[in-house]
Amino acid sequence: MLYFLRAEVQPPDSMSAAELRRHWNEEAKAALKAMEAGAIKGLWKVCGQRVVVGVVDLPDNDMLDQVLDGLPIMQSMGSAVTWEVLPVRPYEHFAEDLRKAVEGA
């Protein structure tokens, strides 16, 4: 299943920028490995914000929860990370459904 993810990191006021960078560096290392393995289809850092968006391909909702919970940034600063998760499907599948509905099978 494909999922669109949006993660926003709001570190506590007491966290230094250097500490945040250390936590985020560990997350970046794990993300790059997941990209190499094919689980992450695309990942982008939103400029000027502590926001990352991406598309991941995982077998099911249970695996999604397990993967998110196991992320380094969740282990180190979980309460500071807010997630938006949307299941998505390839647009060409949607377009085919439309074609069939309008033009018939």
N, C-alpha and C. Protein backbone atom coordinates (compact mmCIF):
# COMPACT_ATOMS: atom_id res chain seq x y z
N MET A 1 0.84 -1.18 0.00
CA MET A 1 0.00 0.00 0.00
C MET A 1 0.88 1.24 0.00
N LEU A 2 0.43 2.23 -0.72
CA LEU A 2 1.15 3.50 -0.75
C LEU A 2 0.54 4.46 0.26
N TYR A 3 1.41 5.19 0.94
CA TYR A 3 0.99 6.19 1.92
C TYR A 3 1.74 7.49 1.68
N PHE A 4 1.01 8.59 1.72
CA PHE A 4 1.63 9.91 1.76
C PHE A 4 1.85 10.25 3.22
N LEU A 5 3.05 10.66 3.56
CA LEU A 5 3.38 11.01 4.95
C LEU A 5 3.82 12.46 5.02
N ARG A 6 3.42 13.10 6.10
CA ARG A 6 3.91 14.44 6.42
C ARG A 6 4.30 14.42 7.89
N ALA A 7 5.55 14.72 8.17
CA ALA A 7 6.04 14.75 9.54
C ALA A 7 6.48 16.17 9.87
N GLU A 8 5.98 16.68 10.97
CA GLU A 8 6.39 18.01 11.43
C GLU A 8 7.06 17.84 12.78
N VAL A 9 8.25 18.39 12.91
CA VAL A 9 9.03 18.28 14.14
C VAL A 9 8.98 19.62 14.86
N GLN A 10 8.49 19.58 16.09
CA GLN A 10 8.43 20.77 16.96
C GLN A 10 9.23 20.48 18.22
N PRO A 11 10.53 20.69 18.17
CA PRO A 11 11.36 20.35 19.33
C PRO A 11 11.01 21.24 20.53
N PRO A 12 11.24 20.72 21.72
CA PRO A 12 11.00 21.55 22.91
C PRO A 12 11.92 22.77 22.92
N ASP A 13 11.48 23.84 23.54
CA ASP A 13 12.28 25.06 23.61
C ASP A 13 13.65 24.83 24.23
N SER A 14 13.72 23.84 25.11
CA SER A 14 14.98 23.56 25.80
C SER A 14 16.00 22.84 24.92
N MET A 15 15.59 22.37 23.74
CA MET A 15 16.51 21.63 22.88
C MET A 15 17.32 22.59 22.02
N SER A 16 18.62 22.42 22.03
CA SER A 16 19.49 23.27 21.21
C SER A 16 19.39 22.86 19.75
N ALA A 17 19.79 23.77 18.88
CA ALA A 17 19.80 23.47 17.45
C ALA A 17 20.77 22.33 17.16
N ALA A 18 21.90 22.30 17.87
CA ALA A 18 22.88 21.23 17.66
C ALA A 18 22.30 19.88 18.04
N GLU A 19 21.55 19.83 19.13
CA GLU A 19 20.94 18.57 19.56
C GLU A 19 19.89 18.12 18.54
N LEU A 20 19.08 19.04 18.05
CA LEU A 20 18.09 18.71 17.04
C LEU A 20 18.77 18.15 15.79
N ARG A 21 19.85 18.78 15.36
CA ARG A 21 20.58 18.29 14.19
C ARG A 21 21.10 16.88 14.42
N ARG A 22 21.58 16.57 15.62
CA ARG A 22 22.07 15.21 15.91
C ARG A 22 20.95 14.19 15.78
N HIS A 23 19.77 14.50 16.35
CA HIS A 23 18.63 13.59 16.25
C HIS A 23 18.21 13.42 14.78
N TRP A 24 18.15 14.54 14.06
CA TRP A 24 17.70 14.50 12.68
C TRP A 24 18.73 13.79 11.80
N ASN A 25 20.00 13.89 12.13
CA ASN A 25 21.04 13.18 11.37
C ASN A 25 20.84 11.67 11.47
N GLU A 26 20.51 11.17 12.64
CA GLU A 26 20.25 9.73 12.80
C GLU A 26 19.04 9.32 11.97
N GLU A 27 18.02 10.16 11.97
CA GLU A 27 16.82 9.88 11.17
C GLU A 27 17.16 9.88 9.68
N ALA A 28 17.97 10.83 9.25
CA ALA A 28 18.34 10.92 7.84
C ALA A 28 19.10 9.67 7.39
N LYS A 29 19.98 9.16 8.22
CA LYS A 29 20.72 7.94 7.88
C LYS A 29 19.74 6.77 7.67
N ALA A 30 18.78 6.62 8.58
CA ALA A 30 17.80 5.54 8.47
C ALA A 30 16.91 5.74 7.23
N ALA A 31 16.53 6.98 6.96
CA ALA A 31 15.67 7.26 5.80
C ALA A 31 16.38 6.91 4.50
N LEU A 32 17.67 7.23 4.40
CA LEU A 32 18.40 6.91 3.18
C LEU A 32 18.52 5.41 2.98
N LYS A 33 18.70 4.66 4.05
CA LYS A 33 18.72 3.20 3.95
C LYS A 33 17.38 2.67 3.46
N ALA A 34 16.28 3.22 4.01
CA ALA A 34 14.94 2.78 3.60
C ALA A 34 14.67 3.14 2.14
N MET A 35 15.22 4.26 1.68
CA MET A 35 15.08 4.63 0.27
C MET A 35 15.82 3.63 -0.61
N GLU A 36 17.03 3.25 -0.19
CA GLU A 36 17.81 2.27 -0.95
C GLU A 36 17.09 0.92 -1.01
N ALA A 37 16.39 0.57 0.08
CA ALA A 37 15.67 -0.70 0.14
C ALA A 37 14.35 -0.66 -0.64
N GLY A 38 13.90 0.53 -1.01
CA GLY A 38 12.68 0.66 -1.81
C GLY A 38 11.41 0.92 -1.03
N ALA A 39 11.48 0.94 0.30
CA ALA A 39 10.27 1.19 1.09
C ALA A 39 9.82 2.64 0.98
N ILE A 40 10.77 3.55 0.86
CA ILE A 40 10.44 4.96 0.67
C ILE A 40 10.56 5.26 -0.82
N LYS A 41 9.45 5.66 -1.42
CA LYS A 41 9.42 5.95 -2.85
C LYS A 41 9.92 7.35 -3.17
N GLY A 42 9.72 8.27 -2.26
CA GLY A 42 10.19 9.64 -2.41
C GLY A 42 10.12 10.33 -1.07
N LEU A 43 11.07 11.24 -0.83
CA LEU A 43 11.13 11.93 0.46
C LEU A 43 11.67 13.33 0.19
N TRP A 44 11.02 14.34 0.78
CA TRP A 44 11.42 15.72 0.56
C TRP A 44 11.37 16.49 1.86
N LYS A 45 12.34 17.36 2.05
CA LYS A 45 12.35 18.28 3.19
C LYS A 45 11.74 19.58 2.69
N VAL A 46 10.74 20.09 3.39
CA VAL A 46 10.11 21.36 3.03
C VAL A 46 11.06 22.49 3.44
N CYS A 47 11.39 23.32 2.49
CA CYS A 47 12.34 24.41 2.75
C CYS A 47 11.79 25.39 3.78
N GLY A 48 12.65 25.77 4.71
CA GLY A 48 12.28 26.78 5.70
C GLY A 48 11.39 26.28 6.81
N GLN A 49 11.09 24.99 6.84
CA GLN A 49 10.23 24.43 7.88
C GLN A 49 10.85 23.14 8.40
N ARG A 50 10.44 22.74 9.57
CA ARG A 50 10.86 21.44 10.11
C ARG A 50 9.82 20.39 9.71
N VAL A 51 9.67 20.24 8.41
CA VAL A 51 8.65 19.36 7.84
C VAL A 51 9.29 18.51 6.75
N VAL A 52 8.95 17.23 6.78
CA VAL A 52 9.37 16.29 5.74
C VAL A 52 8.11 15.64 5.19
N VAL A 53 8.03 15.50 3.86
CA VAL A 53 6.92 14.81 3.21
C VAL A 53 7.48 13.68 2.36
N GLY A 54 6.68 12.65 2.20
CA GLY A 54 7.15 11.53 1.41
C GLY A 54 6.06 10.56 1.06
N VAL A 55 6.42 9.59 0.24
CA VAL A 55 5.54 8.49 -0.12
C VAL A 55 6.28 7.20 0.21
N VAL A 56 5.61 6.34 0.96
CA VAL A 56 6.20 5.05 1.32
C VAL A 56 5.31 3.93 0.80
N ASP A 57 5.92 2.77 0.59
CA ASP A 57 5.20 1.59 0.13
C ASP A 57 5.40 0.50 1.17
N LEU A 58 4.32 0.19 1.89
CA LEU A 58 4.36 -0.81 2.95
C LEU A 58 3.19 -1.77 2.77
N PRO A 59 3.31 -3.01 3.27
CA PRO A 59 2.28 -4.02 3.00
C PRO A 59 0.91 -3.70 3.60
N ASP A 60 0.88 -3.04 4.76
CA ASP A 60 -0.43 -2.81 5.40
C ASP A 60 -0.31 -1.77 6.50
N ASN A 61 -1.46 -1.44 7.08
CA ASN A 61 -1.52 -0.42 8.14
C ASN A 61 -0.73 -0.81 9.37
N ASP A 62 -0.75 -2.09 9.73
CA ASP A 62 0.02 -2.55 10.89
C ASP A 62 1.50 -2.26 10.70
N MET A 63 2.02 -2.57 9.52
CA MET A 63 3.44 -2.33 9.24
C MET A 63 3.74 -0.84 9.28
N LEU A 64 2.82 -0.02 8.79
CA LEU A 64 3.01 1.42 8.82
C LEU A 64 3.19 1.90 10.26
N ASP A 65 2.31 1.47 11.15
CA ASP A 65 2.43 1.85 12.56
C ASP A 65 3.76 1.38 13.15
N GLN A 66 4.14 0.16 12.85
CA GLN A 66 5.39 -0.39 13.38
C GLN A 66 6.60 0.37 12.86
N VAL A 67 6.59 0.69 11.59
CA VAL A 67 7.72 1.42 11.00
C VAL A 67 7.82 2.82 11.60
N LEU A 68 6.71 3.53 11.66
CA LEU A 68 6.74 4.88 12.21
C LEU A 68 7.20 4.88 13.66
N ASP A 69 6.69 3.94 14.44
CA ASP A 69 7.06 3.87 15.86
C ASP A 69 8.54 3.54 16.03
N GLY A 70 9.13 2.82 15.09
CA GLY A 70 10.52 2.42 15.21
C GLY A 70 11.52 3.43 14.66
N LEU A 71 11.05 4.53 14.08
CA LEU A 71 11.97 5.51 13.51
C LEU A 71 12.87 6.12 14.58
N PRO A 72 14.13 6.37 14.26
CA PRO A 72 15.03 6.97 15.24
C PRO A 72 14.50 8.26 15.85
N ILE A 73 13.89 9.11 15.03
CA ILE A 73 13.41 10.38 15.56
C ILE A 73 12.23 10.17 16.52
N MET A 74 11.45 9.10 16.30
CA MET A 74 10.36 8.80 17.23
C MET A 74 10.92 8.24 18.54
N GLN A 75 11.99 7.49 18.45
CA GLN A 75 12.61 6.93 19.65
C GLN A 75 13.23 8.04 20.50
N SER A 76 13.80 9.04 19.86
CA SER A 76 14.51 10.07 20.61
C SER A 76 13.65 11.26 20.98
N MET A 77 12.66 11.59 20.16
CA MET A 77 11.84 12.78 20.45
C MET A 77 10.41 12.62 19.93
N GLY A 78 9.82 11.47 20.18
CA GLY A 78 8.51 11.13 19.64
C GLY A 78 7.41 12.14 19.89
N SER A 79 7.36 12.70 21.09
CA SER A 79 6.28 13.64 21.40
C SER A 79 6.43 14.95 20.62
N ALA A 80 7.58 15.17 20.01
CA ALA A 80 7.82 16.40 19.25
C ALA A 80 7.48 16.24 17.78
N VAL A 81 7.06 15.04 17.36
CA VAL A 81 6.79 14.76 15.95
C VAL A 81 5.29 14.54 15.75
N THR A 82 4.72 15.29 14.83
CA THR A 82 3.32 15.13 14.47
C THR A 82 3.24 14.57 13.06
N TRP A 83 2.40 13.53 12.89
CA TRP A 83 2.28 12.84 11.60
C TRP A 83 0.93 13.11 10.96
N GLU A 84 0.94 13.26 9.66
CA GLU A 84 -0.26 13.17 8.84
C GLU A 84 0.00 12.02 7.88
N VAL A 85 -0.92 11.08 7.81
CA VAL A 85 -0.76 9.90 6.97
C VAL A 85 -2.02 9.73 6.13
N LEU A 86 -1.83 9.64 4.82
CA LEU A 86 -2.95 9.45 3.90
C LEU A 86 -2.66 8.27 2.98
N PRO A 87 -3.56 7.28 2.93
CA PRO A 87 -3.38 6.23 1.94
C PRO A 87 -3.64 6.83 0.56
N VAL A 88 -2.79 6.47 -0.39
CA VAL A 88 -2.93 7.00 -1.75
C VAL A 88 -2.85 5.85 -2.74
N ARG A 89 -3.29 6.14 -3.96
CA ARG A 89 -3.22 5.14 -5.02
C ARG A 89 -2.68 5.80 -6.28
N PRO A 90 -2.07 5.03 -7.14
CA PRO A 90 -1.54 5.61 -8.38
C PRO A 90 -2.65 6.29 -9.18
N TYR A 91 -2.35 7.45 -9.70
CA TYR A 91 -3.36 8.21 -10.43
C TYR A 91 -3.85 7.45 -11.66
N GLU A 92 -2.95 6.68 -12.28
CA GLU A 92 -3.39 5.95 -13.48
C GLU A 92 -4.47 4.92 -13.15
N HIS A 93 -4.48 4.39 -11.93
CA HIS A 93 -5.55 3.46 -11.52
C HIS A 93 -6.88 4.22 -11.40
N PHE A 94 -6.82 5.40 -10.81
CA PHE A 94 -8.01 6.25 -10.71
C PHE A 94 -8.52 6.63 -12.10
N ALA A 95 -7.59 7.01 -12.99
CA ALA A 95 -7.99 7.39 -14.34
C ALA A 95 -8.65 6.22 -15.07
N GLU A 96 -8.15 5.01 -14.86
CA GLU A 96 -8.75 3.83 -15.48
C GLU A 96 -10.16 3.59 -14.95
N ASP A 97 -10.36 3.78 -13.64
CA ASP A 97 -11.70 3.65 -13.07
C ASP A 97 -12.65 4.67 -13.69
N LEU A 98 -12.17 5.89 -13.88
CA LEU A 98 -12.99 6.93 -14.50
C LEU A 98 -13.34 6.55 -15.93
N ARG A 99 -12.34 6.09 -16.68
CA ARG A 99 -12.57 5.71 -18.07
C ARG A 99 -13.64 4.63 -18.15
N LYS A 100 -13.55 3.62 -17.29
CA LYS A 100 -14.54 2.53 -17.30
C LYS A 100 -15.92 3.04 -16.93
N ALA A 101 -15.97 3.95 -15.94
CA ALA A 101 -17.27 4.48 -15.52
C ALA A 101 -17.92 5.32 -16.62
N VAL A 102 -17.13 6.04 -17.37
CA VAL A 102 -17.66 6.93 -18.39
C VAL A 102 -17.85 6.21 -19.72
N GLU A 103 -16.87 5.40 -20.10
CA GLU A 103 -16.87 4.79 -21.43
C GLU A 103 -17.32 3.33 -21.41
N GLY A 104 -17.41 2.76 -20.21
CA GLY A 104 -17.76 1.35 -20.10
C GLY A 104 -16.54 0.47 -20.15
N ALA A 105 -16.70 -0.73 -19.63
CA ALA A 105 -15.57 -1.67 -19.59
C ALA A 105 -15.30 -2.12 -20.96
